[in-house]
Amino acid sequence: QVQLVESGGGLVQAGGSLRLSCAASVRTFNNYYMGWFRQTPGKEREFVATIARTGGGIFYADSVKGRFTISRDNARTLYLQMNNLKPEDTGVYYCAASGDYQRTTRFGYEYWGQGTQVTVSS
């Protein structure tokens, strides 16, 4: 069982930055592909970024390329550095873990955090 806890969300003005963190409870953190997703009311949870087990194999949604950076460390933490934030980045951000394949959709990720709210004002 993997428990994921996100933190770092908040209210920021457009053009500002936030850094999200996701702490994983599992010792075998490096066995999991990790991803960030976001969701707004009435919409499906959408892919933001993913990173492979070793820290390579990074992919981003087109909407965040050049502004967001996903990373992970040996302390079992996943990060999402978000720069030049836009109002359309507002949503609840979730981290997720997949034990078998790296995915750019929400389907197949076995473990999810509870989410952290990001609000970007114009």
C-alpha atoms as a PDB file:
ATOM      1  CA  GLN A   1       0.000   0.000   0.000  1.00  0.00           C
ATOM      2  CA  VAL A   2       1.271   3.430  -0.954  1.00  0.00           C
ATOM      3  CA  GLN A   3       0.101   6.570   0.780  1.00  0.00           C
ATOM      4  CA  LEU A   4       0.637   9.901  -0.935  1.00  0.00           C
ATOM      5  CA  VAL A   5       0.259  13.296   0.710  1.00  0.00           C
ATOM      6  CA  GLU A   6       0.391  16.500  -1.326  1.00  0.00           C
ATOM      7  CA  SER A   7       1.243  19.928   0.028  1.00  0.00           C
ATOM      8  CA  GLY A   8       2.254  23.357  -1.201  1.00  0.00           C
ATOM      9  CA  GLY A   9      -0.939  24.575  -2.805  1.00  0.00           C
ATOM     10  CA  GLY A  10      -2.359  28.020  -2.219  1.00  0.00           C
ATOM     11  CA  LEU A  11      -3.509  31.297  -3.718  1.00  0.00           C
ATOM     12  CA  VAL A  12      -1.140  33.122  -6.061  1.00  0.00           C
ATOM     13  CA  GLN A  13      -1.415  35.920  -8.588  1.00  0.00           C
ATOM     14  CA  ALA A  14      -1.003  35.276 -12.278  1.00  0.00           C
ATOM     15  CA  GLY A  15       2.686  35.161 -13.168  1.00  0.00           C
ATOM     16  CA  GLY A  16       3.632  33.840  -9.755  1.00  0.00           C
ATOM     17  CA  SER A  17       5.107  30.503  -8.712  1.00  0.00           C
ATOM     18  CA  LEU A  18       4.288  27.594  -6.434  1.00  0.00           C
ATOM     19  CA  ARG A  19       6.088  24.379  -5.593  1.00  0.00           C
ATOM     20  CA  LEU A  20       3.980  21.338  -4.855  1.00  0.00           C
ATOM     21  CA  SER A  21       5.320  18.361  -2.927  1.00  0.00           C
ATOM     22  CA  CYS A  22       4.056  14.817  -2.655  1.00  0.00           C
ATOM     23  CA  ALA A  23       5.404  12.671   0.172  1.00  0.00           C
ATOM     24  CA  ALA A  24       5.218   8.919  -0.338  1.00  0.00           C
ATOM     25  CA  SER A  25       5.012   6.461   2.545  1.00  0.00           C
ATOM     26  CA  VAL A  26       6.497   3.505   0.704  1.00  0.00           C
ATOM     27  CA  ARG A  27      10.154   2.437   1.037  1.00  0.00           C
ATOM     28  CA  THR A  28      10.245   1.259  -2.563  1.00  0.00           C
ATOM     29  CA  PHE A  29       9.436   4.714  -3.931  1.00  0.00           C
ATOM     30  CA  ASN A  30      11.868   4.236  -6.807  1.00  0.00           C
ATOM     31  CA  ASN A  31       9.783   1.285  -8.044  1.00  0.00           C
ATOM     32  CA  TYR A  32       6.946   3.619  -9.022  1.00  0.00           C
ATOM     33  CA  TYR A  33       6.316   5.855 -11.965  1.00  0.00           C
ATOM     34  CA  MET A  34       4.860   9.089 -10.662  1.00  0.00           C
ATOM     35  CA  GLY A  35       2.490  11.640 -12.105  1.00  0.00           C
ATOM     36  CA  TRP A  36       0.764  14.939 -11.403  1.00  0.00           C
ATOM     37  CA  PHE A  37      -2.821  15.565 -12.403  1.00  0.00           C
ATOM     38  CA  ARG A  38      -5.306  18.371 -11.850  1.00  0.00           C
ATOM     39  CA  GLN A  39      -9.042  18.715 -11.778  1.00  0.00           C
ATOM     40  CA  THR A  40     -11.574  21.525 -11.786  1.00  0.00           C
ATOM     41  CA  PRO A  41     -15.295  21.195 -10.976  1.00  0.00           C
ATOM     42  CA  GLY A  42     -17.261  19.613 -13.787  1.00  0.00           C
ATOM     43  CA  LYS A  43     -14.182  18.474 -15.673  1.00  0.00           C
ATOM     44  CA  GLU A  44     -12.281  15.239 -15.844  1.00  0.00           C
ATOM     45  CA  ARG A  45      -8.988  14.848 -14.042  1.00  0.00           C
ATOM     46  CA  GLU A  46      -6.317  15.827 -16.550  1.00  0.00           C
ATOM     47  CA  PHE A  47      -2.694  14.854 -16.953  1.00  0.00           C
ATOM     48  CA  VAL A  48      -0.066  17.450 -16.064  1.00  0.00           C
ATOM     49  CA  ALA A  49       3.297  15.669 -15.900  1.00  0.00           C
ATOM     50  CA  THR A  50       4.932  12.307 -15.315  1.00  0.00           C
ATOM     51  CA  ILE A  51       8.393  11.099 -14.358  1.00  0.00           C
ATOM     52  CA  ALA A  52       9.932   7.641 -14.633  1.00  0.00           C
ATOM     53  CA  ARG A  53      11.322   5.585 -11.783  1.00  0.00           C
ATOM     54  CA  THR A  54      14.890   6.769 -12.180  1.00  0.00           C
ATOM     55  CA  GLY A  55      14.014  10.428 -12.645  1.00  0.00           C
ATOM     56  CA  GLY A  56      14.284  10.406 -16.398  1.00  0.00           C
ATOM     57  CA  GLY A  57      11.500   9.812 -18.881  1.00  0.00           C
ATOM     58  CA  ILE A  58       9.740  13.114 -18.210  1.00  0.00           C
ATOM     59  CA  PHE A  59       6.623  14.153 -20.111  1.00  0.00           C
ATOM     60  CA  TYR A  60       4.369  17.195 -19.810  1.00  0.00           C
ATOM     61  CA  ALA A  61       0.979  18.259 -21.014  1.00  0.00           C
ATOM     62  CA  ASP A  62       1.312  20.842 -23.785  1.00  0.00           C
ATOM     63  CA  SER A  63      -0.463  23.406 -21.631  1.00  0.00           C
ATOM     64  CA  VAL A  64       2.320  23.410 -19.018  1.00  0.00           C
ATOM     65  CA  LYS A  65       5.464  22.827 -21.091  1.00  0.00           C
ATOM     66  CA  GLY A  66       8.130  25.397 -20.387  1.00  0.00           C
ATOM     67  CA  ARG A  67       6.423  26.537 -17.185  1.00  0.00           C
ATOM     68  CA  PHE A  68       6.210  23.445 -14.943  1.00  0.00           C
ATOM     69  CA  THR A  69       9.002  21.099 -13.859  1.00  0.00           C
ATOM     70  CA  ILE A  70       8.477  17.665 -12.329  1.00  0.00           C
ATOM     71  CA  SER A  71      11.201  16.068 -10.226  1.00  0.00           C
ATOM     72  CA  ARG A  72      11.744  13.466  -7.520  1.00  0.00           C
ATOM     73  CA  ASP A  73      14.344  12.830  -4.878  1.00  0.00           C
ATOM     74  CA  ASN A  74      15.697   9.933  -2.819  1.00  0.00           C
ATOM     75  CA  ALA A  75      13.718  11.086   0.208  1.00  0.00           C
ATOM     76  CA  ARG A  76      10.547   9.652  -1.351  1.00  0.00           C
ATOM     77  CA  THR A  77       9.193  13.005  -2.427  1.00  0.00           C
ATOM     78  CA  LEU A  78       7.776  14.110  -5.759  1.00  0.00           C
ATOM     79  CA  TYR A  79       7.774  17.772  -6.735  1.00  0.00           C
ATOM     80  CA  LEU A  80       6.061  20.053  -9.205  1.00  0.00           C
ATOM     81  CA  GLN A  81       7.622  23.469  -9.662  1.00  0.00           C
ATOM     82  CA  MET A  82       5.067  25.743 -11.279  1.00  0.00           C
ATOM     83  CA  ASN A  83       6.215  29.065 -12.739  1.00  0.00           C
ATOM     84  CA  ASN A  84       4.417  31.789 -14.671  1.00  0.00           C
ATOM     85  CA  LEU A  85       1.092  30.534 -13.378  1.00  0.00           C
ATOM     86  CA  LYS A  86      -2.079  31.374 -15.262  1.00  0.00           C
ATOM     87  CA  PRO A  87      -5.703  31.494 -14.064  1.00  0.00           C
ATOM     88  CA  GLU A  88      -6.413  28.387 -16.141  1.00  0.00           C
ATOM     89  CA  ASP A  89      -3.941  26.469 -13.957  1.00  0.00           C
ATOM     90  CA  THR A  90      -6.425  26.719 -11.092  1.00  0.00           C
ATOM     91  CA  GLY A  91      -7.590  23.368  -9.772  1.00  0.00           C
ATOM     92  CA  VAL A  92      -6.985  20.588  -7.294  1.00  0.00           C
ATOM     93  CA  TYR A  93      -3.632  18.979  -7.964  1.00  0.00           C
ATOM     94  CA  TYR A  94      -3.120  15.287  -7.286  1.00  0.00           C
ATOM     95  CA  CYS A  95      -0.044  13.106  -7.319  1.00  0.00           C
ATOM     96  CA  ALA A  96      -0.340   9.487  -8.338  1.00  0.00           C
ATOM     97  CA  ALA A  97       1.805   6.354  -8.442  1.00  0.00           C
ATOM     98  CA  SER A  98       1.918   3.546 -10.987  1.00  0.00           C
ATOM     99  CA  GLY A  99       3.807   0.339 -10.331  1.00  0.00           C
ATOM    100  CA  ASP A 100       3.850  -1.080 -13.851  1.00  0.00           C
ATOM    101  CA  TYR A 101       3.862   1.463 -16.661  1.00  0.00           C
ATOM    102  CA  GLN A 102       4.437   5.142 -17.130  1.00  0.00           C
ATOM    103  CA  ARG A 103       1.219   6.783 -18.275  1.00  0.00           C
ATOM    104  CA  THR A 104       0.023  10.163 -19.490  1.00  0.00           C
ATOM    105  CA  THR A 105      -3.592   9.457 -18.585  1.00  0.00           C
ATOM    106  CA  ARG A 106      -5.191   8.992 -15.196  1.00  0.00           C
ATOM    107  CA  PHE A 107      -6.141   5.392 -16.013  1.00  0.00           C
ATOM    108  CA  GLY A 108      -3.881   2.781 -14.481  1.00  0.00           C
ATOM    109  CA  TYR A 109      -2.436   4.791 -11.618  1.00  0.00           C
ATOM    110  CA  GLU A 110      -3.119   2.649  -8.568  1.00  0.00           C
ATOM    111  CA  TYR A 111      -2.492   5.165  -5.808  1.00  0.00           C
ATOM    112  CA  TRP A 112      -3.633   8.762  -5.400  1.00  0.00           C
ATOM    113  CA  GLY A 113      -3.152  11.515  -2.879  1.00  0.00           C
ATOM    114  CA  GLN A 114      -5.980  13.603  -1.450  1.00  0.00           C
ATOM    115  CA  GLY A 115      -5.103  16.657  -3.541  1.00  0.00           C
ATOM    116  CA  THR A 116      -4.004  20.213  -2.869  1.00  0.00           C
ATOM    117  CA  GLN A 117      -5.847  23.310  -4.097  1.00  0.00           C
ATOM    118  CA  VAL A 118      -4.088  25.765  -6.380  1.00  0.00           C
ATOM    119  CA  THR A 119      -5.859  29.034  -7.150  1.00  0.00           C
ATOM    120  CA  VAL A 120      -4.404  31.566  -9.562  1.00  0.00           C
ATOM    121  CA  SER A 121      -6.012  34.992  -9.577  1.00  0.00           C
ATOM    122  CA  SER A 122      -5.937  37.279 -12.601  1.00  0.00           C
END
